[in-house]
Amino acid sequence: MAKTTAPSSRPSASTADASRRRPVAGRRPVDVRGWLGGIRLSGFMVIMLGLVVLAAFVLVPTIGTYVDQRQQIAALEAAVQLSHEEVADLKAQRERWQDPAYITTQARERLYYVKPGEVVYLVDNDLPPELAPQERAPVSDQIEAAQTDWMSQLVRSVTEAGLAQTVAPVTFGVPDPTPTGTPAG
């Protein structure tokens, strides 16, 4: 059992320095040595404190595992609920496809099937002007529409190619020449 001594009644050098200093407004100086000296630990308290620390080390990973498993269970229950909803939607769709009128309607709308003697008119660009896209966004960041006339560029390219004085050798599709010093192999 550890025995501690009470602080001495005569002021030490550090206590004398602390008493000479002015305390900050509203604060009293705290004597840490005196406070720590007043704490008495018995053997029973040390054992109990050790058991609490040991219990914390044992229970923290167990509680973490429990919380993780509860989160996994909640996620799996949500996935099962979503699967049940999808199964219900698929059953309803299967029931619709059992109806001959629904099949006929779908064939007429999706595949443009008609009955003999009917005439079908397809209307392109049937959107009202306010819903039609006014300005189109560029297809990509690198490629944009050319601002010049393509026909004049074509004529200029053909003319320049015809007036060129030198011809570049064709290297695409021509096999590489073999070195003269080594046999081909």
Protein backbone atom coordinates (compact mmCIF):
# COMPACT_ATOMS: atom_id res chain seq x y z
CA MET A 1 0.00 0.00 0.00
CA ALA A 2 1.47 3.31 -1.08
CA LYS A 3 1.58 6.03 1.50
CA THR A 4 1.82 9.64 0.51
CA THR A 5 2.88 12.52 2.67
CA ALA A 6 0.91 15.65 3.12
CA PRO A 7 2.42 18.87 1.81
CA SER A 8 4.59 20.77 4.25
CA SER A 9 3.15 23.75 6.08
CA ARG A 10 6.03 26.06 5.26
CA PRO A 11 5.99 27.64 1.84
CA SER A 12 8.54 26.45 -0.66
CA ALA A 13 10.30 28.62 -3.20
CA SER A 14 7.82 27.82 -5.95
CA THR A 15 4.86 28.46 -3.64
CA ALA A 16 6.37 31.76 -2.56
CA ASP A 17 6.82 32.76 -6.21
CA ALA A 18 3.24 31.77 -6.96
CA SER A 19 1.91 33.78 -3.99
CA ARG A 20 3.79 36.87 -5.16
CA ARG A 21 2.24 36.69 -8.60
CA ARG A 22 -1.08 38.28 -9.11
CA PRO A 23 -3.93 35.93 -9.90
CA VAL A 24 -5.74 36.50 -13.17
CA ALA A 25 -9.05 38.28 -12.67
CA GLY A 26 -11.62 35.82 -11.36
CA ARG A 27 -9.16 32.89 -10.99
CA ARG A 28 -7.55 31.47 -7.94
CA PRO A 29 -4.18 29.80 -8.24
CA VAL A 30 -4.47 26.02 -7.97
CA ASP A 31 -1.92 24.13 -5.92
CA VAL A 32 -1.52 20.96 -7.99
CA ARG A 33 0.81 19.27 -5.54
CA GLY A 34 -1.66 19.79 -2.75
CA TRP A 35 -4.50 18.46 -4.83
CA LEU A 36 -2.59 15.36 -5.92
CA GLY A 37 -1.35 14.81 -2.40
CA GLY A 38 -4.92 14.67 -1.17
CA ILE A 39 -5.75 11.69 -3.40
CA ARG A 40 -5.35 8.43 -1.56
CA LEU A 41 -5.44 5.14 -3.44
CA SER A 42 -6.10 1.89 -1.69
CA GLY A 43 -5.24 -1.52 -3.08
CA PHE A 44 -8.93 -2.24 -3.67
CA MET A 45 -9.29 0.93 -5.77
CA VAL A 46 -6.23 0.02 -7.86
CA ILE A 47 -7.63 -3.46 -8.53
CA MET A 48 -11.05 -2.05 -9.45
CA LEU A 49 -9.48 0.55 -11.73
CA GLY A 50 -7.46 -2.21 -13.41
CA LEU A 51 -10.63 -4.27 -13.91
CA VAL A 52 -12.43 -1.28 -15.47
CA VAL A 53 -9.55 -0.70 -17.90
CA LEU A 54 -9.43 -4.42 -18.72
CA ALA A 55 -13.19 -4.48 -19.31
CA ALA A 56 -12.86 -1.47 -21.63
CA PHE A 57 -10.15 -3.24 -23.65
CA VAL A 58 -12.27 -6.38 -23.90
CA LEU A 59 -15.63 -4.73 -24.64
CA VAL A 60 -14.63 -1.99 -27.12
CA PRO A 61 -13.80 -4.39 -29.99
CA THR A 62 -16.89 -6.46 -29.19
CA ILE A 63 -19.11 -3.39 -29.29
CA GLY A 64 -17.47 -2.27 -32.56
CA THR A 65 -18.17 -5.68 -34.08
CA TYR A 66 -21.76 -5.52 -32.85
CA VAL A 67 -22.31 -2.09 -34.41
CA ASP A 68 -20.77 -3.23 -37.72
CA GLN A 69 -22.97 -6.32 -37.80
CA ARG A 70 -26.09 -4.25 -37.05
CA GLN A 71 -25.22 -1.95 -39.98
CA GLN A 72 -24.74 -4.96 -42.26
CA ILE A 73 -28.07 -6.41 -41.13
CA ALA A 74 -29.83 -3.10 -41.82
CA ALA A 75 -28.25 -2.90 -45.31
CA LEU A 76 -29.24 -6.50 -46.09
CA GLU A 77 -32.81 -5.91 -44.87
CA ALA A 78 -33.02 -2.86 -47.16
CA ALA A 79 -31.74 -4.96 -50.08
CA VAL A 80 -34.30 -7.68 -49.32
CA GLN A 81 -37.08 -5.08 -49.20
CA LEU A 82 -35.93 -3.67 -52.55
CA SER A 83 -35.84 -7.18 -54.01
CA HIS A 84 -39.39 -7.84 -52.78
CA GLU A 85 -40.53 -4.61 -54.49
CA GLU A 86 -38.79 -5.61 -57.73
CA VAL A 87 -40.41 -9.08 -57.59
CA ALA A 88 -43.81 -7.48 -57.08
CA ASP A 89 -43.23 -5.17 -60.08
CA LEU A 90 -42.13 -8.08 -62.24
CA LYS A 91 -45.20 -10.12 -61.23
CA ALA A 92 -47.47 -7.20 -62.11
CA GLN A 93 -45.70 -6.83 -65.46
CA ARG A 94 -46.06 -10.57 -66.11
CA GLU A 95 -49.78 -10.31 -65.37
CA ARG A 96 -50.08 -7.41 -67.85
CA TRP A 97 -48.34 -9.46 -70.54
CA GLN A 98 -50.97 -12.20 -70.07
CA ASP A 99 -53.65 -9.80 -71.37
CA PRO A 100 -54.04 -9.96 -75.20
CA ALA A 101 -55.14 -6.33 -75.37
CA TYR A 102 -51.92 -5.19 -73.66
CA ILE A 103 -49.82 -7.28 -76.08
CA THR A 104 -51.65 -5.74 -79.04
CA THR A 105 -51.15 -2.23 -77.66
CA GLN A 106 -47.44 -2.80 -77.08
CA ALA A 107 -46.95 -4.27 -80.57
CA ARG A 108 -48.68 -1.27 -82.12
CA GLU A 109 -46.71 1.30 -80.05
CA ARG A 110 -43.25 -0.27 -79.96
CA LEU A 111 -43.06 -2.16 -83.23
CA TYR A 112 -45.51 -0.06 -85.29
CA TYR A 113 -47.64 -3.08 -86.17
CA VAL A 114 -50.90 -2.29 -87.94
CA LYS A 115 -53.99 -4.23 -88.80
CA PRO A 116 -54.65 -4.96 -92.45
CA GLY A 117 -56.09 -1.93 -94.18
CA GLU A 118 -54.86 0.65 -91.63
CA VAL A 119 -52.60 3.53 -92.64
CA VAL A 120 -50.08 4.80 -90.10
CA TYR A 121 -48.61 8.28 -90.19
CA LEU A 122 -45.38 8.89 -88.27
CA VAL A 123 -44.74 12.48 -87.26
CA ASP A 124 -41.12 13.57 -86.86
CA ASN A 125 -40.20 16.55 -84.70
CA ASP A 126 -43.57 16.60 -83.02
CA LEU A 127 -42.29 18.57 -80.02
CA PRO A 128 -43.72 22.03 -79.49
CA PRO A 129 -41.19 24.81 -80.16
CA GLU A 130 -40.74 25.66 -76.48
CA LEU A 131 -39.69 22.06 -75.69
CA ALA A 132 -37.39 21.66 -78.69
CA PRO A 133 -33.70 22.20 -77.86
CA GLN A 134 -32.66 25.67 -78.97
CA GLU A 135 -28.87 25.47 -78.64
CA ARG A 136 -27.02 22.22 -78.75
CA ALA A 137 -24.12 21.56 -76.44
CA PRO A 138 -20.83 20.50 -78.04
CA VAL A 139 -20.42 16.76 -78.50
CA SER A 140 -17.12 16.72 -76.63
CA ASP A 141 -14.55 19.09 -75.19
CA GLN A 142 -11.99 18.42 -77.93
CA ILE A 143 -14.15 18.21 -81.05
CA GLU A 144 -16.35 21.08 -82.13
CA ALA A 145 -18.08 22.06 -85.35
CA ALA A 146 -15.88 23.82 -87.89
CA GLN A 147 -16.76 27.45 -88.49
CA THR A 148 -15.57 27.44 -92.15
CA ASP A 149 -17.02 26.07 -95.35
CA TRP A 150 -15.94 22.44 -95.84
CA MET A 151 -16.16 22.63 -99.63
CA SER A 152 -13.58 25.40 -99.94
CA GLN A 153 -11.25 23.48 -97.60
CA LEU A 154 -11.63 20.34 -99.73
CA VAL A 155 -10.79 22.23 -102.95
CA ARG A 156 -7.81 23.92 -101.29
CA SER A 157 -6.47 20.59 -99.99
CA VAL A 158 -6.76 18.89 -103.38
CA THR A 159 -5.12 21.87 -105.11
CA GLU A 160 -2.22 21.97 -102.65
CA ALA A 161 -1.67 18.23 -103.00
CA GLY A 162 -1.60 18.51 -106.79
CA LEU A 163 0.84 21.43 -106.80
CA ALA A 164 3.29 19.88 -104.35
CA GLN A 165 6.79 19.44 -105.76
CA THR A 166 7.91 16.54 -103.55
CA VAL A 167 6.09 13.36 -102.72
CA ALA A 168 6.43 11.81 -99.30
CA PRO A 169 7.36 8.12 -99.48
CA VAL A 170 4.60 5.72 -98.55
CA THR A 171 5.54 3.94 -95.36
CA PHE A 172 2.21 2.51 -94.32
CA GLY A 173 1.67 -1.05 -95.51
CA VAL A 174 5.21 -1.42 -96.88
CA PRO A 175 7.36 -4.06 -95.15
CA ASP A 176 10.51 -2.93 -93.41
CA PRO A 177 13.66 -3.45 -95.51
CA THR A 178 15.94 -6.15 -94.16
CA PRO A 179 19.52 -5.12 -93.33
CA THR A 180 22.02 -6.20 -95.98
CA GLY A 181 24.51 -7.74 -93.55
CA THR A 182 22.15 -10.31 -91.91
CA PRO A 183 20.16 -13.07 -93.60
CA ALA A 184 16.38 -12.77 -93.52
CA GLY A 185 14.88 -15.25 -91.38
